[in-house]
Amino acid sequence: MGSESELASLSEESGDLVRSRRMFARCRISFLPAPAAAILLGLGSSANAQAIPWTNGEFASPWNAQKIFEPSSLPDRTDPENREEIPPEDTPVKNRQQPGYEPIGIRSGSWMFNPSLTAGTFYDSNVFSSNTTQRSDIAAVIEPTLRAHSLWGRHGLDLKLNAQSTAYSQFSSLNQTNASLKGNGWLDITKDTMLLGSFQIAHLNEGVGTLTSPANAISPTPYNLMSGDVTLRKEFNRLTTSIGFRTDSYDYGSTRAQDGTVISQDARDGQIYSLHSRIDYAISSTLGWFGGVEGNQRDIRGTPGHTLDSQGYRALSGITIGLSNLITGEFGAGYVQQRFDDPSIGMVEGPSYRARLTWRPTRLLDVHFNAEQLVTQTSDTSATGVLANAVQLGLDYELRRNVIVSLAGGYENDRFFGQFRRDHVLTSDTRVKYLVNRFSAVSAYYRYTKRDSDVPVFTFDKHLVGMNVTAQF
C-alpha cells in the first residue's frame, strides 16, 4: 500500500479475490481468503487510481451470483457425491495452498478460527501523487486479522474481522486506520436452490491520488460503509439463474487541503440500491453462455441546487470457455447507462465489452490477459463519468512450492464526461511471496504508476517498494 492506495479497495476487493477452495456437500464453494494470503496480497497492492482495477482471479460458483459482472467458471457436471478434492497443482498458481504451508487454525466445536498478524514497511516516491509537490516517505503498516468459518455439513458462514493501521515517518497527515467486519453466508434450501448473503460494516479511507480524492487533498478521506446483499440462486440442470438485491450506505468525513482548509465530502453521503440477475447456461463441458443485468437507484445528498441522484443499469452477455486447465476465459459485450436528475450532468451511457483469458501452459505458470471497456463513475457516489479502455497482461510463476513470483503490466485510456480531460495510465507490478512454513510468510513488491493527463494537476508518477512479514495460525 502506498499513500495513493485506496484502502477501501484493498479491504473490499483484493482480499476477497484470493481464496481457498473446499468441498461442501454437493458443490465447490469459493470462500473468503486464508488470512496470510489475503494480507500478503493486500499489503502488496496499491489501490488503483485508474477506473478499471487489475483483476486478481475468478469468482467460482455460486458467488458469481452476487458478482454478476465478474468471470465465472463453468459448472462441474460430475456427480456431486463422487467429486474429488482439487489437487493444489490444478488450482491457480497465486491461490494454491501446498501441503505443509496452509494455516492450521483453532477449532472450537463446529467453527474454525484463523488469526494472523502482518507487519510491513514501504517506500513511496510520491506520497501526494503530485507533479508539482513530489515528496517521498517511508511508512509502517500493521494489520491484525481474525477469520472464522463454520464447519457445518449444510449451510455455512464465513466471517472476517480486521484492522489496518498505516503510519508515515514524515507526513503524519497521511496516517490512516481502517477497520472492517464482513461475512458471507449460504443456506441450502433444496438440492438445487441456495440463498446467498453477504454484508460489510467498515470504517475506511480513500487514499490521496485516487480518482475520487480531491485534487489538492493532503490526507485520506475517511468514510463509513454499511452494505448487504441477498441473492437467490437456482439450478435447472444445465441452466443456472440468480436474482438478488444489494444496498450500500456511505457516510463521508472531511479531508484537508494543502492550505490547511477543510474539504467537506458530505455531498457524497447517501444510499445505493441495486437489483441484479444473472443466467449461465452450460452448452457443453467446455463452452457456456452467460447474461447479467443490474439496475440501480442512487440517492446521494449532493449540494444545494445540485443533486447527485441518478438511476441506471448495466447489461453484459457473452460466452464462457474452459478447455480443461489449459485455457479458461470469458468474452462479453453489453451496454451501460446512468441518468442523473441534474440536467447539467445529464446521461452517461455507452457500449461495454470485456475479454478475460487465462492460459496455463504448465502447472507452474499462469498467464492472464484482460481487455475491458466500460462507462463508469470515478466512484459510486460521485457524478464524474469516465469512459475507460484498459489492456492488462500478467503472469504468476511457481518458482518453488513455497515461492510465487508475479509480474503484471497494464495500459488504460480514460476519457472524462463533463470536462475536457483525457488520461493515459501505465502500471507495472512485481511481487514475490515466500512461505517460510505454515506459521509465517514474507512478501516483497514493487509497483510503478504513471498517469499523464490533459489537466496537468492530475499528472504524476510514483514508485512503491515494500516488504511484509506475516505470522499466522
Foldseek 3Di string as FASTA:
>chain_A
DALQAFLVCLVPPQQQAQFDWDQFQQAIATAGHQVVLSVQRSVQDGHDLDPDDDDDHAHEPPCCFVVVPGHYDAGDQDGSVPDDDDDQLLDDQSRGDDPFAAADFDDDVQKTKKKKKKKKKKKKQASQQWPPDTDIWMKIKIKIKMWMKGNDNFKIKIKIWMKMWMAIDPQRLATDMKTKIKMKIKHPPDPFKIKIKIKMWMWTWRGRLHNPDPLQFPYTKIKIKIKMKIKIWGDDNQKIKMKMKMKMFIAIAWTAGPVGDIGGPRQLGWMKIKIKMKMKGDPDNFKIKMKIKMKMWTFTNHDVVDGFTKIWMWIKIWMWGDDRSAKTWTWIKTKIKIAGPDVLLGMWIDIKIKIWMWGDPDSFKIKIWIWIWDWDASDPRDRKIKTKTKIKIKMWGCPDPFKIKIKMKMWMWIDIPPDHKIKIKIKIKIKMKGRPGNFKIKMKMKMKIFMDMPPNSSGGIMIMIMMMMMGMD
